[in-house]
Amino acid sequence: MKTTRQLLGARIKEIRKARGLSQEQLAEKVNLDSKFISKIEVGRSSPSLETMESIARVLDVEIKDLFEFMHLQPGGITAEGIREILGEMDEQTARTVFRMLRAAAR
Protein backbone atom coordinates (compact mmCIF):
# COMPACT_ATOMS: atom_id res chain seq x y z
CA MET A 1 0.00 0.00 0.00
CA LYS A 2 1.32 3.42 -0.94
CA THR A 3 1.88 6.08 1.69
CA THR A 4 -0.02 9.36 1.64
CA ARG A 5 3.20 11.09 0.59
CA GLN A 6 3.55 8.72 -2.38
CA LEU A 7 -0.09 9.16 -3.36
CA LEU A 8 0.16 12.95 -3.11
CA GLY A 9 3.24 12.87 -5.34
CA ALA A 10 1.56 10.59 -7.86
CA ARG A 11 -1.46 12.90 -7.94
CA ILE A 12 0.70 15.98 -8.51
CA LYS A 13 2.48 14.14 -11.32
CA GLU A 14 -0.84 13.08 -12.84
CA ILE A 15 -2.19 16.65 -12.86
CA ARG A 16 1.13 18.10 -14.06
CA LYS A 17 1.18 15.72 -17.03
CA ALA A 18 -2.48 16.45 -17.80
CA ARG A 19 -1.52 20.15 -17.98
CA GLY A 20 1.29 19.32 -20.39
CA LEU A 21 4.06 20.52 -18.07
CA SER A 22 7.44 18.95 -17.50
CA GLN A 23 8.94 18.76 -14.03
CA GLU A 24 11.33 21.51 -15.05
CA GLN A 25 8.50 23.79 -16.19
CA LEU A 26 6.54 23.24 -12.98
CA ALA A 27 9.66 23.79 -10.89
CA GLU A 28 10.37 27.07 -12.67
CA LYS A 29 6.80 28.31 -12.21
CA VAL A 30 6.81 27.53 -8.46
CA ASN A 31 10.41 28.67 -8.00
CA LEU A 32 11.77 25.29 -6.90
CA ASP A 33 14.52 22.97 -8.06
CA SER A 34 13.29 20.33 -10.51
CA LYS A 35 15.02 17.67 -8.38
CA PHE A 36 12.74 18.64 -5.48
CA ILE A 37 9.67 18.28 -7.74
CA SER A 38 10.97 14.84 -8.70
CA LYS A 39 11.38 13.87 -5.04
CA ILE A 40 7.84 15.06 -4.28
CA GLU A 41 6.40 13.08 -7.19
CA VAL A 42 8.04 9.82 -6.11
CA GLY A 43 7.13 10.35 -2.46
CA ARG A 44 10.63 10.92 -1.11
CA SER A 45 9.94 14.50 0.03
CA SER A 46 6.93 16.24 1.48
CA PRO A 47 6.04 19.68 0.18
CA SER A 48 5.26 22.43 2.67
CA LEU A 49 1.79 23.95 2.73
CA GLU A 50 3.15 26.99 0.91
CA THR A 51 4.67 24.78 -1.77
CA MET A 52 1.41 22.86 -2.18
CA GLU A 53 -0.45 26.17 -2.53
CA SER A 54 2.00 27.26 -5.24
CA ILE A 55 1.77 23.93 -7.06
CA ALA A 56 -2.04 24.00 -6.91
CA ARG A 57 -2.09 27.58 -8.24
CA VAL A 58 0.23 26.75 -11.15
CA LEU A 59 -1.71 23.57 -11.97
CA ASP A 60 -4.97 25.55 -11.76
CA VAL A 61 -6.58 23.30 -9.15
CA GLU A 62 -7.71 23.75 -5.59
CA ILE A 63 -5.37 22.39 -2.94
CA LYS A 64 -7.97 19.76 -2.01
CA ASP A 65 -7.72 18.37 -5.56
CA LEU A 66 -4.14 17.33 -4.83
CA PHE A 67 -5.52 14.93 -2.23
CA GLU A 68 -8.08 13.29 -4.51
CA PHE A 69 -6.04 10.18 -5.15
CA MET A 70 -8.40 7.35 -4.22
CA HIS A 71 -8.26 6.17 -7.84
CA LEU A 72 -4.48 5.76 -7.53
CA GLN A 73 -4.74 3.20 -4.72
CA PRO A 74 -5.12 -0.51 -5.32
CA GLY A 75 -8.82 -1.23 -5.10
CA GLY A 76 -9.58 2.46 -5.47
CA ILE A 77 -12.88 3.58 -6.89
CA THR A 78 -12.70 3.90 -10.66
CA ALA A 79 -15.23 3.59 -13.45
CA GLU A 80 -13.50 0.38 -14.45
CA GLY A 81 -13.77 -0.95 -10.90
CA ILE A 82 -17.47 -0.12 -10.76
CA ARG A 83 -18.05 -1.92 -14.06
CA GLU A 84 -16.22 -4.96 -12.72
CA ILE A 85 -18.35 -5.03 -9.56
CA LEU A 86 -21.56 -4.61 -11.56
CA GLY A 87 -20.45 -7.44 -13.84
CA GLU A 88 -20.20 -9.79 -10.86
CA MET A 89 -23.81 -9.12 -9.79
CA ASP A 90 -26.93 -10.81 -11.07
CA GLU A 91 -28.76 -8.68 -13.63
CA GLN A 92 -31.56 -7.48 -11.36
CA THR A 93 -29.17 -6.37 -8.60
CA ALA A 94 -26.90 -4.66 -11.14
CA ARG A 95 -29.88 -2.74 -12.59
CA THR A 96 -30.94 -1.62 -9.11
CA VAL A 97 -27.43 -0.46 -8.22
CA PHE A 98 -27.12 1.31 -11.57
CA ARG A 99 -30.40 3.20 -10.96
CA MET A 100 -29.19 4.17 -7.49
CA LEU A 101 -25.89 5.45 -8.87
CA ARG A 102 -27.65 7.42 -11.58
CA ALA A 103 -30.02 9.00 -9.03
CA ALA A 104 -27.11 9.87 -6.70
CA ALA A 105 -25.19 11.50 -9.55
CA ARG A 106 -28.04 13.92 -10.32
PDB file of N, CA and C in Angstrom:
ATOM      1  N   MET A   1       0.839  -1.178   0.000  1.00  0.00           N
ATOM      2  CA  MET A   1       0.000   0.000   0.000  1.00  0.00           C
ATOM      3  C   MET A   1       0.889   1.248   0.000  1.00  0.00           C
ATOM      4  N   LYS A   2       0.541   2.201  -0.843  1.00  0.00           N
ATOM      5  CA  LYS A   2       1.316   3.422  -0.938  1.00  0.00           C
ATOM      6  C   LYS A   2       1.035   4.337   0.247  1.00  0.00           C
ATOM      7  N   THR A   3       2.041   5.103   0.620  1.00  0.00           N
ATOM      8  CA  THR A   3       1.880   6.076   1.690  1.00  0.00           C
ATOM      9  C   THR A   3       1.148   7.304   1.143  1.00  0.00           C
ATOM     10  N   THR A   4       0.641   8.123   2.048  1.00  0.00           N
ATOM     11  CA  THR A   4      -0.019   9.358   1.640  1.00  0.00           C
ATOM     12  C   THR A   4       0.947  10.236   0.863  1.00  0.00           C
ATOM     13  N   ARG A   5       2.192  10.287   1.291  1.00  0.00           N
ATOM     14  CA  ARG A   5       3.200  11.092   0.589  1.00  0.00           C
ATOM     15  C   ARG A   5       3.374  10.590  -0.843  1.00  0.00           C
ATOM     16  N   GLN A   6       3.409   9.284  -1.035  1.00  0.00           N
ATOM     17  CA  GLN A   6       3.551   8.724  -2.383  1.00  0.00           C
ATOM     18  C   GLN A   6       2.317   9.007  -3.233  1.00  0.00           C
ATOM     19  N   LEU A   7       1.145   8.886  -2.629  1.00  0.00           N
ATOM     20  CA  LEU A   7      -0.092   9.155  -3.360  1.00  0.00           C
ATOM     21  C   LEU A   7      -0.212  10.624  -3.737  1.00  0.00           C
ATOM     22  N   LEU A   8       0.171  11.516  -2.819  1.00  0.00           N
ATOM     23  CA  LEU A   8       0.163  12.947  -3.111  1.00  0.00           C
ATOM     24  C   LEU A   8       1.101  13.242  -4.287  1.00  0.00           C
ATOM     25  N   GLY A   9       2.292  12.667  -4.253  1.00  0.00           N
ATOM     26  CA  GLY A   9       3.245  12.867  -5.341  1.00  0.00           C
ATOM     27  C   GLY A   9       2.729  12.345  -6.666  1.00  0.00           C
ATOM     28  N   ALA A  10       2.111  11.166  -6.630  1.00  0.00           N
ATOM     29  CA  ALA A  10       1.558  10.587  -7.860  1.00  0.00           C
ATOM     30  C   ALA A  10       0.432  11.456  -8.409  1.00  0.00           C
ATOM     31  N   ARG A  11      -0.356  12.040  -7.514  1.00  0.00           N
ATOM     32  CA  ARG A  11      -1.458  12.903  -7.943  1.00  0.00           C
ATOM     33  C   ARG A  11      -0.922  14.194  -8.563  1.00  0.00           C
ATOM     34  N   ILE A  12       0.090  14.778  -7.948  1.00  0.00           N
ATOM     35  CA  ILE A  12       0.703  15.982  -8.510  1.00  0.00           C
ATOM     36  C   ILE A  12       1.259  15.678  -9.903  1.00  0.00           C
ATOM     37  N   LYS A  13       1.935  14.549 -10.021  1.00  0.00           N
ATOM     38  CA  LYS A  13       2.483  14.143 -11.323  1.00  0.00           C
ATOM     39  C   LYS A  13       1.371  13.963 -12.349  1.00  0.00           C
ATOM     40  N   GLU A  14       0.287  13.318 -11.940  1.00  0.00           N
ATOM     41  CA  GLU A  14      -0.839  13.077 -12.840  1.00  0.00           C
ATOM     42  C   GLU A  14      -1.413  14.405 -13.360  1.00  0.00           C
ATOM     43  N   ILE A  15      -1.620  15.350 -12.461  1.00  0.00           N
ATOM     44  CA  ILE A  15      -2.186  16.647 -12.861  1.00  0.00           C
ATOM     45  C   ILE A  15      -1.176  17.421 -13.711  1.00  0.00           C
ATOM     46  N   ARG A  16       0.089  17.395 -13.295  1.00  0.00           N
ATOM     47  CA  ARG A  16       1.130  18.096 -14.062  1.00  0.00           C
ATOM     48  C   ARG A  16       1.162  17.613 -15.502  1.00  0.00           C
ATOM     49  N   LYS A  17       1.150  16.288 -15.683  1.00  0.00           N
ATOM     50  CA  LYS A  17       1.179  15.725 -17.033  1.00  0.00           C
ATOM     51  C   LYS A  17      -0.078  16.088 -17.815  1.00  0.00           C
ATOM     52  N   ALA A  18      -1.227  16.084 -17.136  1.00  0.00           N
ATOM     53  CA  ALA A  18      -2.477  16.455 -17.803  1.00  0.00           C
ATOM     54  C   ALA A  18      -2.441  17.910 -18.281  1.00  0.00           C
ATOM     55  N   ARG A  19      -1.657  18.737 -17.596  1.00  0.00           N
ATOM     56  CA  ARG A  19      -1.522  20.148 -17.979  1.00  0.00           C
ATOM     57  C   ARG A  19      -0.414  20.351 -19.011  1.00  0.00           C
ATOM     58  N   GLY A  20       0.254  19.252 -19.368  1.00  0.00           N
ATOM     59  CA  GLY A  20       1.293  19.316 -20.391  1.00  0.00           C
ATOM     60  C   GLY A  20       2.579  19.984 -19.927  1.00  0.00           C
ATOM     61  N   LEU A  21       2.848  19.901 -18.623  1.00  0.00           N
ATOM     62  CA  LEU A  21       4.056  20.521 -18.065  1.00  0.00           C
ATOM     63  C   LEU A  21       5.102  19.467 -17.730  1.00  0.00           C
ATOM     64  N   SER A  22       6.347  19.812 -17.953  1.00  0.00           N
ATOM     65  CA  SER A  22       7.444  18.954 -17.504  1.00  0.00           C
ATOM     66  C   SER A  22       7.738  19.289 -16.043  1.00  0.00           C
ATOM     67  N   GLN A  23       8.522  18.449 -15.401  1.00  0.00           N
ATOM     68  CA  GLN A  23       8.937  18.756 -14.027  1.00  0.00           C
ATOM     69  C   GLN A  23       9.710  20.070 -13.995  1.00  0.00           C
ATOM     70  N   GLU A  24      10.529  20.279 -14.996  1.00  0.00           N
ATOM     71  CA  GLU A  24      11.326  21.508 -15.052  1.00  0.00           C
ATOM     72  C   GLU A  24      10.435  22.742 -15.176  1.00  0.00           C
ATOM     73  N   GLN A  25       9.406  22.648 -16.016  1.00  0.00           N
ATOM     74  CA  GLN A  25       8.502  23.792 -16.187  1.00  0.00           C
ATOM     75  C   GLN A  25       7.734  24.085 -14.901  1.00  0.00           C
ATOM     76  N   LEU A  26       7.243  23.040 -14.243  1.00  0.00           N
ATOM     77  CA  LEU A  26       6.536  23.238 -12.985  1.00  0.00           C
ATOM     78  C   LEU A  26       7.479  23.842 -11.952  1.00  0.00           C
ATOM     79  N   ALA A  27       8.678  23.295 -11.861  1.00  0.00           N
ATOM     80  CA  ALA A  27       9.663  23.791 -10.895  1.00  0.00           C
ATOM     81  C   ALA A  27       9.939  25.278 -11.110  1.00  0.00           C
ATOM     82  N   GLU A  28      10.088  25.663 -12.357  1.00  0.00           N
ATOM     83  CA  GLU A  28      10.368  27.067 -12.672  1.00  0.00           C
ATOM     84  C   GLU A  28       9.197  27.964 -12.249  1.00  0.00           C
ATOM     85  N   LYS A  29       7.985  27.508 -12.518  1.00  0.00           N
ATOM     86  CA  LYS A  29       6.800  28.310 -12.210  1.00  0.00           C
ATOM     87  C   LYS A  29       6.554  28.448 -10.708  1.00  0.00           C
ATOM     88  N   VAL A  30       6.993  27.452  -9.922  1.00  0.00           N
ATOM     89  CA  VAL A  30       6.811  27.528  -8.461  1.00  0.00           C
ATOM     90  C   VAL A  30       8.098  27.895  -7.743  1.00  0.00           C
ATOM     91  N   ASN A  31       9.128  28.215  -8.547  1.00  0.00           N
ATOM     92  CA  ASN A  31      10.406  28.668  -8.002  1.00  0.00           C
ATOM     93  C   ASN A  31      11.063  27.617  -7.095  1.00  0.00           C
ATOM     94  N   LEU A  32      11.125  26.395  -7.605  1.00  0.00           N
ATOM     95  CA  LEU A  32      11.768  25.287  -6.899  1.00  0.00           C
ATOM     96  C   LEU A  32      12.747  24.601  -7.836  1.00  0.00           C
ATOM     97  N   ASP A  33      13.600  23.785  -7.274  1.00  0.00           N
ATOM     98  CA  ASP A  33      14.518  22.969  -8.057  1.00  0.00           C
ATOM     99  C   ASP A  33      13.741  21.790  -8.635  1.00  0.00           C
ATOM    100  N   SER A  34      14.006  21.448  -9.880  1.00  0.00           N
ATOM    101  CA  SER A  34      13.292  20.331 -10.512  1.00  0.00           C
ATOM    102  C   SER A  34      13.567  19.009  -9.792  1.00  0.00           C
ATOM    103  N   LYS A  35      14.726  18.889  -9.147  1.00  0.00           N
ATOM    104  CA  LYS A  35      15.024  17.675  -8.379  1.00  0.00           C
ATOM    105  C   LYS A  35      14.071  17.541  -7.194  1.00  0.00           C
ATOM    106  N   PHE A  36      13.683  18.679  -6.606  1.00  0.00           N
ATOM    107  CA  PHE A  36      12.738  18.640  -5.485  1.00  0.00           C
ATOM    108  C   PHE A  36      11.357  18.214  -5.976  1.00  0.00           C
ATOM    109  N   ILE A  37      10.954  18.711  -7.150  1.00  0.00           N
ATOM    110  CA  ILE A  37       9.674  18.280  -7.739  1.00  0.00           C
ATOM    111  C   ILE A  37       9.712  16.776  -7.966  1.00  0.00           C
ATOM    112  N   SER A  38      10.821  16.273  -8.478  1.00  0.00           N
ATOM    113  CA  SER A  38      10.967  14.838  -8.705  1.00  0.00           C
ATOM    114  C   SER A  38      10.817  14.068  -7.393  1.00  0.00           C
ATOM    115  N   LYS A  39      11.462  14.549  -6.334  1.00  0.00           N
ATOM    116  CA  LYS A  39      11.379  13.874  -5.037  1.00  0.00           C
ATOM    117  C   LYS A  39       9.956  13.892  -4.491  1.00  0.00           C
ATOM    118  N   ILE A  40       9.242  14.988  -4.707  1.00  0.00           N
ATOM    119  CA  ILE A  40       7.838  15.056  -4.278  1.00  0.00           C
ATOM    120  C   ILE A  40       7.026  14.017  -5.034  1.00  0.00           C
ATOM    121  N   GLU A  41       7.206  13.963  -6.348  1.00  0.00           N
ATOM    122  CA  GLU A  41       6.397  13.078  -7.185  1.00  0.00           C
ATOM    123  C   GLU A  41       6.626  11.601  -6.908  1.00  0.00           C
ATOM    124  N   VAL A  42       7.799  11.233  -6.438  1.00  0.00           N
ATOM    125  CA  VAL A  42       8.035   9.818  -6.113  1.00  0.00           C
ATOM    126  C   VAL A  42       7.814   9.526  -4.633  1.00  0.00           C
ATOM    127  N   GLY A  43       7.447  10.558  -3.865  1.00  0.00           N
ATOM    128  CA  GLY A  43       7.133  10.352  -2.457  1.00  0.00           C
ATOM    129  C   GLY A  43       8.332  10.338  -1.534  1.00  0.00           C
ATOM    130  N   ARG A  44       9.453  10.877  -1.973  1.00  0.00           N
ATOM    131  CA  ARG A  44      10.634  10.918  -1.108  1.00  0.00           C
ATOM    132  C   ARG A  44      10.738  12.211  -0.308  1.00  0.00           C
ATOM    133  N   SER A  45       9.968  13.231  -0.700  1.00  0.00           N
ATOM    134  CA  SER A  45       9.943  14.500   0.033  1.00  0.00           C
ATOM    135  C   SER A  45       8.508  14.972   0.174  1.00  0.00           C
ATOM    136  N   SER A  46       8.260  15.674   1.246  1.00  0.00           N
ATOM    137  CA  SER A  46       6.930  16.243   1.480  1.00  0.00           C
ATOM    138  C   SER A  46       6.977  17.744   1.227  1.00  0.00           C
ATOM    139  N   PRO A  47       6.072  18.247   0.407  1.00  0.00           N
ATOM    140  CA  PRO A  47       6.040  19.683   0.183  1.00  0.00           C
ATOM    141  C   PRO A  47       5.420  20.400   1.381  1.00  0.00           C
ATOM    142  N   SER A  48       5.878  21.617   1.619  1.00  0.00           N
ATOM    143  CA  SER A  48       5.260  22.429   2.671  1.00  0.00           C
ATOM    144  C   SER A  48       3.885  22.882   2.190  1.00  0.00           C
ATOM    145  N   LEU A  49       3.104  23.422   3.097  1.00  0.00           N
ATOM    146  CA  LEU A  49       1.793  23.945   2.729  1.00  0.00           C
ATOM    147  C   LEU A  49       1.944  25.050   1.686  1.00  0.00           C
ATOM    148  N   GLU A  50       2.924  25.908   1.870  1.00  0.00           N
ATOM    149  CA  GLU A  50       3.154  26.992   0.912  1.00  0.00           C
ATOM    150  C   GLU A  50       3.495  26.439  -0.468  1.00  0.00           C
ATOM    151  N   THR A  51       4.308  25.400  -0.495  1.00  0.00           N
ATOM    152  CA  THR A  51       4.666  24.781  -1.774  1.00  0.00           C
ATOM    153  C   THR A  51       3.450  24.142  -2.423  1.00  0.00           C
ATOM    154  N   MET A  52       2.624  23.465  -1.623  1.00  0.00           N
ATOM    155  CA  MET A  52       1.407  22.862  -2.180  1.00  0.00           C
ATOM    156  C   MET A  52       0.475  23.939  -2.731  1.00  0.00           C
ATOM    157  N   GLU A  53       0.377  25.064  -2.029  1.00  0.00           N
ATOM    158  CA  GLU A  53      -0.451  26.171  -2.530  1.00  0.00           C
ATOM    159  C   GLU A  53       0.075  26.667  -3.876  1.00  0.00           C
ATOM    160  N   SER A  54       1.392  26.803  -3.987  1.00  0.00           N
ATOM    161  CA  SER A  54       1.995  27.261  -5.244  1.00  0.00           C
ATOM    162  C   SER A  54       1.772  26.255  -6.362  1.00  0.00           C
ATOM    163  N   ILE A  55       1.970  24.986  -6.060  1.00  0.00           N
ATOM    164  CA  ILE A  55       1.767  23.931  -7.060  1.00  0.00           C
ATOM    165  C   ILE A  55       0.310  23.924  -7.519  1.00  0.00           C
ATOM    166  N   ALA A  56      -0.616  23.998  -6.571  1.00  0.00           N
ATOM    167  CA  ALA A  56      -2.045  24.003  -6.914  1.00  0.00           C
ATOM    168  C   ALA A  56      -2.375  25.207  -7.800  1.00  0.00           C
ATOM    169  N   ARG A  57      -1.830  26.366  -7.460  1.00  0.00           N
ATOM    170  CA  ARG A  57      -2.094  27.579  -8.240  1.00  0.00           C
ATOM    171  C   ARG A  57      -1.597  27.405  -9.677  1.00  0.00           C
ATOM    172  N   VAL A  58      -0.356  26.932  -9.817  1.00  0.00           N
ATOM    173  CA  VAL A  58       0.229  26.754 -11.151  1.00  0.00           C
ATOM    174  C   VAL A  58      -0.544  25.698 -11.945  1.00  0.00           C
ATOM    175  N   LEU A  59      -0.976  24.631 -11.287  1.00  0.00           N
ATOM    176  CA  LEU A  59      -1.712  23.569 -11.968  1.00  0.00           C
ATOM    177  C   LEU A  59      -3.187  23.908 -12.155  1.00  0.00           C
ATOM    178  N   ASP A  60      -3.594  25.065 -11.625  1.00  0.00           N
ATOM    179  CA  ASP A  60      -4.965  25.551 -11.758  1.00  0.00           C
ATOM    180  C   ASP A  60      -5.983  24.585 -11.144  1.00  0.00           C
ATOM    181  N   VAL A  61      -5.657  24.142  -9.923  1.00  0.00           N
ATOM    182  CA  VAL A  61      -6.575  23.296  -9.154  1.00  0.00           C
ATOM    183  C   VAL A  61      -6.636  23.844  -7.730  1.00  0.00           C
ATOM    184  N   GLU A  62      -7.656  23.410  -7.002  1.00  0.00           N
ATOM    185  CA  GLU A  62      -7.709  23.746  -5.587  1.00  0.00           C
ATOM    186  C   GLU A  62      -6.792  22.788  -4.843  1.00  0.00           C
ATOM    187  N   ILE A  63      -6.298  23.223  -3.701  1.00  0.00           N
ATOM    188  CA  ILE A  63      -5.367  22.387  -2.938  1.00  0.00           C
ATOM    189  C   ILE A  63      -5.993  21.035  -2.592  1.00  0.00           C
ATOM    190  N   LYS A  64      -7.291  21.022  -2.342  1.00  0.00           N
ATOM    191  CA  LYS A  64      -7.968  19.759  -2.013  1.00  0.00           C
ATOM    192  C   LYS A  64      -7.884  18.756  -3.160  1.00  0.00           C
ATOM    193  N   ASP A  65      -7.803  19.262  -4.392  1.00  0.00           N
ATOM    194  CA  ASP A  65      -7.716  18.375  -5.555  1.00  0.00           C
ATOM    195  C   ASP A  65      -6.425  17.560  -5.567  1.00  0.00           C
ATOM    196  N   LEU A  66      -5.400  18.065  -4.915  1.00  0.00           N
ATOM    197  CA  LEU A  66      -4.137  17.326  -4.834  1.00  0.00           C
ATOM    198  C   LEU A  66      -4.281  16.072  -3.976  1.00  0.00           C
ATOM    199  N   PHE A  67      -5.312  16.065  -3.130  1.00  0.00           N
ATOM    200  CA  PHE A  67      -5.523  14.927  -2.230  1.00  0.00           C
ATOM    201  C   PHE A  67      -6.609  13.976  -2.727  1.00  0.00           C
ATOM    202  N   GLU A  68      -7.083  14.192  -3.924  1.00  0.00           N
ATOM    203  CA  GLU A  68      -8.080  13.290  -4.509  1.00  0.00           C
ATOM    204  C   GLU A  68      -7.346  12.196  -5.282  1.00  0.00           C
ATOM    205  N   PHE A  69      -6.846  11.224  -4.521  1.00  0.00           N
ATOM    206  CA  PHE A  69      -6.039  10.177  -5.147  1.00  0.00           C
ATOM    207  C   PHE A  69      -6.550   8.778  -4.859  1.00  0.00           C
ATOM    208  N   MET A  70      -7.813   8.664  -4.493  1.00  0.00           N
ATOM    209  CA  MET A  70      -8.402   7.348  -4.223  1.00  0.00           C
ATOM    210  C   MET A  70      -8.229   6.419  -5.434  1.00  0.00           C
ATOM    211  N   HIS A  71      -8.361   6.978  -6.632  1.00  0.00           N
ATOM    212  CA  HIS A  71      -8.257   6.171  -7.843  1.00  0.00           C
ATOM    213  C   HIS A  71      -6.842   5.652  -8.079  1.00  0.00           C
ATOM    214  N   LEU A  72      -5.861   6.197  -7.368  1.00  0.00           N
ATOM    215  CA  LEU A  72      -4.479   5.762  -7.532  1.00  0.00           C
ATOM    216  C   LEU A  72      -4.111   4.606  -6.602  1.00  0.00           C
ATOM    217  N   GLN A  73      -5.004   4.280  -5.680  1.00  0.00           N
ATOM    218  CA  GLN A  73      -4.738   3.203  -4.724  1.00  0.00           C
ATOM    219  C   GLN A  73      -5.254   1.882  -5.270  1.00  0.00           C
ATOM    220  N   PRO A  74      -4.585   0.799  -4.923  1.00  0.00           N
ATOM    221  CA  PRO A  74      -5.116  -0.512  -5.317  1.00  0.00           C
ATOM    222  C   PRO A  74      -6.515  -0.681  -4.729  1.00  0.00           C
ATOM    223  N   GLY A  75      -7.448  -1.071  -5.563  1.00  0.00           N
ATOM    224  CA  GLY A  75      -8.820  -1.234  -5.102  1.00  0.00           C
ATOM    225  C   GLY A  75      -9.568   0.077  -5.001  1.00  0.00           C
ATOM    226  N   GLY A  76      -8.947   1.147  -5.505  1.00  0.00           N
ATOM    227  CA  GLY A  76      -9.585   2.460  -5.468  1.00  0.00           C
ATOM    228  C   GLY A  76     -10.807   2.492  -6.363  1.00  0.00           C
ATOM    229  N   ILE A  77     -11.643   3.463  -6.132  1.00  0.00           N
ATOM    230  CA  ILE A  77     -12.880   3.580  -6.892  1.00  0.00           C
ATOM    231  C   ILE A  77     -12.583   4.200  -8.250  1.00  0.00           C
ATOM    232  N   THR A  78     -12.853   3.425  -9.288  1.00  0.00           N
ATOM    233  CA  THR A  78     -12.699   3.899 -10.658  1.00  0.00           C
ATOM    234  C   THR A  78     -13.910   3.431 -11.446  1.00  0.00           C
ATOM    235  N   ALA A  79     -14.132   4.030 -12.593  1.00  0.00           N
ATOM    236  CA  ALA A  79     -15.234   3.593 -13.451  1.00  0.00           C
ATOM    237  C   ALA A  79     -15.041   2.125 -13.830  1.00  0.00           C
ATOM    238  N   GLU A  80     -13.802   1.761 -14.089  1.00  0.00           N
ATOM    239  CA  GLU A  80     -13.498   0.375 -14.446  1.00  0.00           C
ATOM    240  C   GLU A  80     -13.827  -0.571 -13.286  1.00  0.00           C
ATOM    241  N   GLY A  81     -13.478  -0.147 -12.075  1.00  0.00           N
ATOM    242  CA  GLY A  81     -13.772  -0.953 -10.898  1.00  0.00           C
ATOM    243  C   GLY A  81     -15.265  -1.127 -10.672  1.00  0.00           C
ATOM    244  N   ILE A  82     -16.008  -0.050 -10.902  1.00  0.00           N
ATOM    245  CA  ILE A  82     -17.467  -0.117 -10.757  1.00  0.00           C
ATOM    246  C   ILE A  82     -18.050  -1.083 -11.779  1.00  0.00           C
ATOM    247  N   ARG A  83     -17.567  -0.995 -13.025  1.00  0.00           N
ATOM    248  CA  ARG A  83     -18.050  -1.919 -14.062  1.00  0.00           C
ATOM    249  C   ARG A  83     -17.763  -3.376 -13.680  1.00  0.00           C
ATOM    250  N   GLU A  84     -16.597  -3.599 -13.119  1.00  0.00           N
ATOM    251  CA  GLU A  84     -16.220  -4.960 -12.717  1.00  0.00           C
ATOM    252  C   GLU A  84     -17.162  -5.474 -11.625  1.00  0.00           C
ATOM    253  N   ILE A  85     -17.441  -4.633 -10.646  1.00  0.00           N
ATOM    254  CA  ILE A  85     -18.347  -5.032  -9.558  1.00  0.00           C
ATOM    255  C   ILE A  85     -19.740  -5.303 -10.100  1.00  0.00           C
ATOM    256  N   LEU A  86     -20.227  -4.407 -10.971  1.00  0.00           N
ATOM    257  CA  LEU A  86     -21.555  -4.610 -11.560  1.00  0.00           C
ATOM    258  C   LEU A  86     -21.606  -5.909 -12.364  1.00  0.00           C
ATOM    259  N   GLY A  87     -20.504  -6.232 -13.046  1.00  0.00           N
ATOM    260  CA  GLY A  87     -20.448  -7.444 -13.844  1.00  0.00           C
ATOM    261  C   GLY A  87     -20.517  -8.718 -13.018  1.00  0.00           C
ATOM    262  N   GLU A  88     -20.167  -8.623 -11.745  1.00  0.00           N
ATOM    263  CA  GLU A  88     -20.204  -9.790 -10.862  1.00  0.00           C
ATOM    264  C   GLU A  88     -21.585 -10.005 -10.236  1.00  0.00           C
ATOM    265  N   MET A  89     -22.482  -9.027 -10.400  1.00  0.00           N
ATOM    266  CA  MET A  89     -23.815  -9.119  -9.793  1.00  0.00           C
ATOM    267  C   MET A  89     -24.786  -9.779 -10.761  1.00  0.00           C
ATOM    268  N   ASP A  90     -25.876 -10.322 -10.194  1.00  0.00           N
ATOM    269  CA  ASP A  90     -26.928 -10.808 -11.070  1.00  0.00           C
ATOM    270  C   ASP A  90     -27.573  -9.583 -11.725  1.00  0.00           C
ATOM    271  N   GLU A  91     -28.253  -9.794 -12.830  1.00  0.00           N
ATOM    272  CA  GLU A  91     -28.759  -8.682 -13.634  1.00  0.00           C
ATOM    273  C   GLU A  91     -29.702  -7.764 -12.857  1.00  0.00           C
ATOM    274  N   GLN A  92     -30.599  -8.311 -12.097  1.00  0.00           N
ATOM    275  CA  GLN A  92     -31.561  -7.485 -11.363  1.00  0.00           C
ATOM    276  C   GLN A  92     -30.858  -6.595 -10.334  1.00  0.00           C
ATOM    277  N   THR A  93     -29.916  -7.152  -9.601  1.00  0.00           N
ATOM    278  CA  THR A  93     -29.173  -6.371  -8.605  1.00  0.00           C
ATOM    279  C   THR A  93     -28.349  -5.291  -9.286  1.00  0.00           C
ATOM    280  N   ALA A  94     -27.704  -5.635 -10.401  1.00  0.00           N
ATOM    281  CA  ALA A  94     -26.903  -4.657 -11.138  1.00  0.00           C
ATOM    282  C   ALA A  94     -27.767  -3.508 -11.633  1.00  0.00           C
ATOM    283  N   ARG A  95     -28.964  -3.797 -12.125  1.00  0.00           N
ATOM    284  CA  ARG A  95     -29.876  -2.736 -12.588  1.00  0.00           C
ATOM    285  C   ARG A  95     -30.283  -1.826 -11.430  1.00  0.00           C
ATOM    286  N   THR A  96     -30.553  -2.412 -10.288  1.00  0.00           N
ATOM    287  CA  THR A  96     -30.939  -1.623  -9.112  1.00  0.00           C
ATOM    288  C   THR A  96     -29.797  -0.704  -8.680  1.00  0.00           C
ATOM    289  N   VAL A  97     -28.595  -1.254  -8.610  1.00  0.00           N
ATOM    290  CA  VAL A  97     -27.432  -0.455  -8.221  1.00  0.00           C
ATOM    291  C   VAL A  97     -27.185   0.640  -9.254  1.00  0.00           C
ATOM    292  N   PHE A  98     -27.313   0.322 -10.517  1.00  0.00           N
ATOM    293  CA  PHE A  98     -27.124   1.310 -11.571  1.00  0.00           C
ATOM    294  C   PHE A  98     -28.123   2.456 -11.423  1.00  0.00           C
ATOM    295  N   ARG A  99     -29.381   2.148 -11.156  1.00  0.00           N
ATOM    296  CA  ARG A  99     -30.395   3.202 -10.963  1.00  0.00           C
ATOM    297  C   ARG A  99     -30.070   4.054  -9.745  1.00  0.00           C
ATOM    298  N   MET A 100     -29.578   3.422  -8.693  1.00  0.00           N
ATOM    299  CA  MET A 100     -29.191   4.171  -7.486  1.00  0.00           C
ATOM    300  C   MET A 100     -28.028   5.103  -7.789  1.00  0.00           C
ATOM    301  N   LEU A 101     -27.030   4.619  -8.499  1.00  0.00           N
ATOM    302  CA  LEU A 101     -25.889   5.455  -8.874  1.00  0.00           C
ATOM    303  C   LEU A 101     -26.310   6.623  -9.748  1.00  0.00           C
ATOM    304  N   ARG A 102     -27.171   6.350 -10.700  1.00  0.00           N
ATOM    305  CA  ARG A 102     -27.651   7.416 -11.579  1.00  0.00           C
ATOM    306  C   ARG A 102     -28.402   8.473 -10.779  1.00  0.00           C
ATOM    307  N   ALA A 103     -29.265   8.046  -9.862  1.00  0.00           N
ATOM    308  CA  ALA A 103     -30.017   9.001  -9.029  1.00  0.00           C
ATOM    309  C   ALA A 103     -29.083   9.804  -8.139  1.00  0.00           C
ATOM    310  N   ALA A 104     -28.059   9.171  -7.592  1.00  0.00           N
ATOM    311  CA  ALA A 104     -27.113   9.868  -6.703  1.00  0.00           C
ATOM    312  C   ALA A 104     -26.274  10.873  -7.480  1.00  0.00           C
ATOM    313  N   ALA A 105     -26.024  10.613  -8.755  1.00  0.00           N
ATOM    314  CA  ALA A 105     -25.187  11.505  -9.547  1.00  0.00           C
ATOM    315  C   ALA A 105     -25.944  12.756 -10.006  1.00  0.00           C
ATOM    316  N   ARG A 106     -27.246  12.759  -9.872  1.00  0.00           N
ATOM    317  CA  ARG A 106     -28.038  13.923 -10.320  1.00  0.00           C
ATOM    318  C   ARG A 106     -27.986  15.046  -9.352  1.00  0.00           C
TER     319      ARG A 106
END
